[in-house]
Amino acid sequence: MKDLVENDEIVLDTSGTECPIPVLKARRLASELTKDVIIKVIATDPLAEADFEHYCEQSKFEYLSCIKKNDKIIIRYKFKK
């Protein structure tokens, strides 16, 4: 599935996948990104929040937020300036 663009954010829907797939998909997407692009990841894996916090710490991304809504986890991050 092609990633969507919504409100100037790239939406990466990883629903239904478990660790490490959400982060691996995000890593693949990162190779195509430019600065100031915000990524919105939609996940259902309960470990996604911790996985993406770690991923952002280890890479050139700024972890922006995590919202849990029903059975979805919505994570937003971007390249550091």
N, C-alpha and C. Protein backbone atom coordinates (compact mmCIF):
# COMPACT_ATOMS: atom_id res chain seq x y z
N MET A 1 0.83 -1.18 0.00
CA MET A 1 0.00 0.00 0.00
C MET A 1 0.87 1.24 0.00
N LYS A 2 0.54 2.20 -0.81
CA LYS A 2 1.26 3.47 -0.88
C LYS A 2 0.95 4.28 0.37
N ASP A 3 1.95 4.96 0.90
CA ASP A 3 1.74 5.81 2.06
C ASP A 3 0.88 7.00 1.67
N LEU A 4 0.02 7.43 2.55
CA LEU A 4 -0.88 8.55 2.30
C LEU A 4 -0.26 9.84 2.79
N VAL A 5 -0.70 10.96 2.23
CA VAL A 5 -0.33 12.26 2.75
C VAL A 5 -1.61 12.90 3.27
N GLU A 6 -1.58 13.29 4.54
CA GLU A 6 -2.76 13.82 5.20
C GLU A 6 -2.32 15.01 6.04
N ASN A 7 -2.88 16.19 5.80
CA ASN A 7 -2.52 17.39 6.56
C ASN A 7 -1.00 17.62 6.57
N ASP A 8 -0.38 17.49 5.43
CA ASP A 8 1.06 17.68 5.28
C ASP A 8 1.90 16.68 6.08
N GLU A 9 1.32 15.55 6.44
CA GLU A 9 2.04 14.48 7.11
C GLU A 9 1.97 13.22 6.25
N ILE A 10 3.04 12.46 6.26
CA ILE A 10 3.01 11.16 5.59
C ILE A 10 2.46 10.16 6.59
N VAL A 11 1.44 9.43 6.19
CA VAL A 11 0.80 8.46 7.08
C VAL A 11 1.28 7.07 6.72
N LEU A 12 1.86 6.40 7.69
CA LEU A 12 2.34 5.04 7.53
C LEU A 12 1.47 4.15 8.41
N ASP A 13 0.59 3.40 7.80
CA ASP A 13 -0.33 2.53 8.54
C ASP A 13 0.29 1.14 8.68
N THR A 14 0.65 0.81 9.91
CA THR A 14 1.25 -0.50 10.18
C THR A 14 0.29 -1.38 10.98
N SER A 15 -0.97 -1.03 10.97
CA SER A 15 -1.98 -1.78 11.73
C SER A 15 -1.92 -3.26 11.38
N GLY A 16 -2.05 -4.09 12.41
CA GLY A 16 -2.06 -5.53 12.20
C GLY A 16 -0.69 -6.17 12.17
N THR A 17 0.37 -5.37 12.28
CA THR A 17 1.72 -5.93 12.29
C THR A 17 2.31 -5.78 13.69
N GLU A 18 3.28 -6.62 14.00
CA GLU A 18 3.93 -6.58 15.30
C GLU A 18 5.42 -6.33 15.14
N CYS A 19 6.04 -5.98 16.25
CA CYS A 19 7.48 -5.72 16.30
C CYS A 19 8.24 -6.87 15.62
N PRO A 20 9.16 -6.55 14.77
CA PRO A 20 9.78 -5.28 14.45
C PRO A 20 9.23 -4.64 13.17
N ILE A 21 8.17 -5.17 12.61
CA ILE A 21 7.68 -4.72 11.30
C ILE A 21 7.37 -3.22 11.24
N PRO A 22 6.67 -2.61 12.22
CA PRO A 22 6.40 -1.17 12.11
C PRO A 22 7.67 -0.32 11.97
N VAL A 23 8.68 -0.63 12.77
CA VAL A 23 9.92 0.15 12.69
C VAL A 23 10.66 -0.15 11.38
N LEU A 24 10.63 -1.38 10.92
CA LEU A 24 11.29 -1.71 9.65
C LEU A 24 10.63 -0.96 8.50
N LYS A 25 9.31 -0.87 8.51
CA LYS A 25 8.61 -0.10 7.47
C LYS A 25 8.97 1.38 7.56
N ALA A 26 9.07 1.89 8.78
CA ALA A 26 9.45 3.29 8.98
C ALA A 26 10.88 3.54 8.48
N ARG A 27 11.77 2.61 8.73
CA ARG A 27 13.15 2.74 8.27
C ARG A 27 13.23 2.80 6.75
N ARG A 28 12.44 1.94 6.10
CA ARG A 28 12.42 1.93 4.64
C ARG A 28 11.89 3.27 4.12
N LEU A 29 10.85 3.79 4.75
CA LEU A 29 10.30 5.08 4.36
C LEU A 29 11.30 6.21 4.58
N ALA A 30 12.08 6.12 5.64
CA ALA A 30 13.04 7.18 5.99
C ALA A 30 14.04 7.44 4.88
N SER A 31 14.37 6.44 4.11
CA SER A 31 15.35 6.63 3.03
C SER A 31 14.83 7.57 1.95
N GLU A 32 13.53 7.82 1.93
CA GLU A 32 12.92 8.67 0.91
C GLU A 32 12.54 10.05 1.44
N LEU A 33 12.82 10.35 2.71
CA LEU A 33 12.33 11.57 3.34
C LEU A 33 13.30 12.74 3.21
N THR A 34 12.73 13.93 3.36
CA THR A 34 13.53 15.15 3.44
C THR A 34 13.25 15.79 4.80
N LYS A 35 14.05 16.78 5.15
CA LYS A 35 13.86 17.45 6.44
C LYS A 35 12.49 18.11 6.51
N ASP A 36 12.01 18.23 7.73
CA ASP A 36 10.74 18.88 8.05
C ASP A 36 9.51 18.09 7.63
N VAL A 37 9.69 16.89 7.17
CA VAL A 37 8.54 16.03 6.88
C VAL A 37 8.13 15.35 8.17
N ILE A 38 6.85 15.38 8.47
CA ILE A 38 6.34 14.72 9.66
C ILE A 38 5.74 13.38 9.24
N ILE A 39 6.08 12.35 10.00
CA ILE A 39 5.56 11.01 9.76
C ILE A 39 4.54 10.70 10.86
N LYS A 40 3.40 10.22 10.43
CA LYS A 40 2.36 9.78 11.36
C LYS A 40 2.22 8.28 11.18
N VAL A 41 2.59 7.52 12.21
CA VAL A 41 2.50 6.07 12.16
C VAL A 41 1.24 5.64 12.90
N ILE A 42 0.46 4.80 12.25
CA ILE A 42 -0.71 4.21 12.90
C ILE A 42 -0.34 2.75 13.16
N ALA A 43 -0.40 2.37 14.44
CA ALA A 43 0.02 1.03 14.83
C ALA A 43 -1.01 0.39 15.76
N THR A 44 -0.96 -0.92 15.83
CA THR A 44 -1.79 -1.65 16.78
C THR A 44 -0.92 -2.47 17.74
N ASP A 45 0.36 -2.55 17.48
CA ASP A 45 1.29 -3.28 18.33
C ASP A 45 1.45 -2.52 19.65
N PRO A 46 1.16 -3.13 20.79
CA PRO A 46 1.28 -2.44 22.07
C PRO A 46 2.70 -1.99 22.40
N LEU A 47 3.69 -2.54 21.74
CA LEU A 47 5.08 -2.15 21.98
C LEU A 47 5.54 -1.01 21.06
N ALA A 48 4.69 -0.55 20.18
CA ALA A 48 5.08 0.45 19.18
C ALA A 48 5.58 1.75 19.81
N GLU A 49 4.96 2.21 20.87
CA GLU A 49 5.39 3.46 21.49
C GLU A 49 6.84 3.37 21.93
N ALA A 50 7.20 2.35 22.68
CA ALA A 50 8.58 2.18 23.14
C ALA A 50 9.53 1.95 21.97
N ASP A 51 9.09 1.16 20.98
CA ASP A 51 9.94 0.89 19.81
C ASP A 51 10.27 2.18 19.07
N PHE A 52 9.28 3.05 18.86
CA PHE A 52 9.53 4.28 18.11
C PHE A 52 10.29 5.32 18.92
N GLU A 53 10.11 5.34 20.25
CA GLU A 53 10.93 6.23 21.07
C GLU A 53 12.40 5.84 20.90
N HIS A 54 12.69 4.56 20.98
CA HIS A 54 14.06 4.07 20.82
C HIS A 54 14.58 4.34 19.40
N TYR A 55 13.76 4.08 18.40
CA TYR A 55 14.14 4.30 17.01
C TYR A 55 14.51 5.77 16.80
N CYS A 56 13.72 6.68 17.33
CA CYS A 56 14.00 8.10 17.16
C CYS A 56 15.28 8.52 17.89
N GLU A 57 15.50 7.97 19.08
CA GLU A 57 16.73 8.26 19.82
C GLU A 57 17.97 7.82 19.05
N GLN A 58 17.87 6.69 18.36
CA GLN A 58 19.01 6.11 17.65
C GLN A 58 19.20 6.65 16.24
N SER A 59 18.28 7.49 15.80
CA SER A 59 18.35 8.00 14.43
C SER A 59 18.31 9.51 14.44
N LYS A 60 18.05 10.09 13.31
CA LYS A 60 18.03 11.54 13.19
C LYS A 60 16.60 12.10 13.25
N PHE A 61 15.77 11.49 14.08
CA PHE A 61 14.38 11.91 14.18
C PHE A 61 14.05 12.51 15.53
N GLU A 62 13.08 13.39 15.53
CA GLU A 62 12.55 13.98 16.75
C GLU A 62 11.19 13.34 17.03
N TYR A 63 11.07 12.69 18.16
CA TYR A 63 9.81 12.05 18.56
C TYR A 63 8.87 13.15 19.01
N LEU A 64 7.72 13.28 18.36
CA LEU A 64 6.80 14.38 18.65
C LEU A 64 5.69 14.00 19.62
N SER A 65 5.02 12.89 19.36
CA SER A 65 3.89 12.55 20.22
C SER A 65 3.45 11.11 20.03
N CYS A 66 2.67 10.65 20.99
CA CYS A 66 2.03 9.34 20.91
C CYS A 66 0.65 9.48 21.53
N ILE A 67 -0.35 9.12 20.78
CA ILE A 67 -1.73 9.17 21.24
C ILE A 67 -2.32 7.77 21.11
N LYS A 68 -2.94 7.31 22.17
CA LYS A 68 -3.62 6.01 22.12
C LYS A 68 -5.11 6.27 22.00
N LYS A 69 -5.70 5.72 20.94
CA LYS A 69 -7.10 5.97 20.65
C LYS A 69 -7.75 4.65 20.28
N ASN A 70 -8.65 4.17 21.14
CA ASN A 70 -9.27 2.86 20.96
C ASN A 70 -8.18 1.80 20.88
N ASP A 71 -8.10 1.05 19.80
CA ASP A 71 -7.07 0.02 19.68
C ASP A 71 -5.89 0.49 18.83
N LYS A 72 -5.85 1.77 18.49
CA LYS A 72 -4.78 2.32 17.65
C LYS A 72 -3.80 3.14 18.48
N ILE A 73 -2.57 3.14 18.06
CA ILE A 73 -1.52 3.98 18.63
C ILE A 73 -1.05 4.87 17.49
N ILE A 74 -1.12 6.18 17.70
CA ILE A 74 -0.74 7.13 16.65
C ILE A 74 0.52 7.85 17.12
N ILE A 75 1.59 7.64 16.39
CA ILE A 75 2.91 8.19 16.73
C ILE A 75 3.30 9.18 15.65
N ARG A 76 3.83 10.32 16.07
CA ARG A 76 4.30 11.33 15.12
C ARG A 76 5.77 11.66 15.42
N TYR A 77 6.56 11.75 14.35
CA TYR A 77 7.97 12.12 14.48
C TYR A 77 8.44 12.81 13.22
N LYS A 78 9.60 13.46 13.30
CA LYS A 78 10.16 14.14 12.11
C LYS A 78 11.67 14.20 12.22
N PHE A 79 12.31 14.58 11.11
CA PHE A 79 13.75 14.80 11.11
C PHE A 79 14.06 15.94 12.07
N LYS A 80 15.16 15.82 12.81
CA LYS A 80 15.61 16.93 13.66
C LYS A 80 16.16 18.02 12.78
N LYS A 81 16.00 19.23 13.18
CA LYS A 81 16.54 20.36 12.42
C LYS A 81 17.99 20.57 12.75
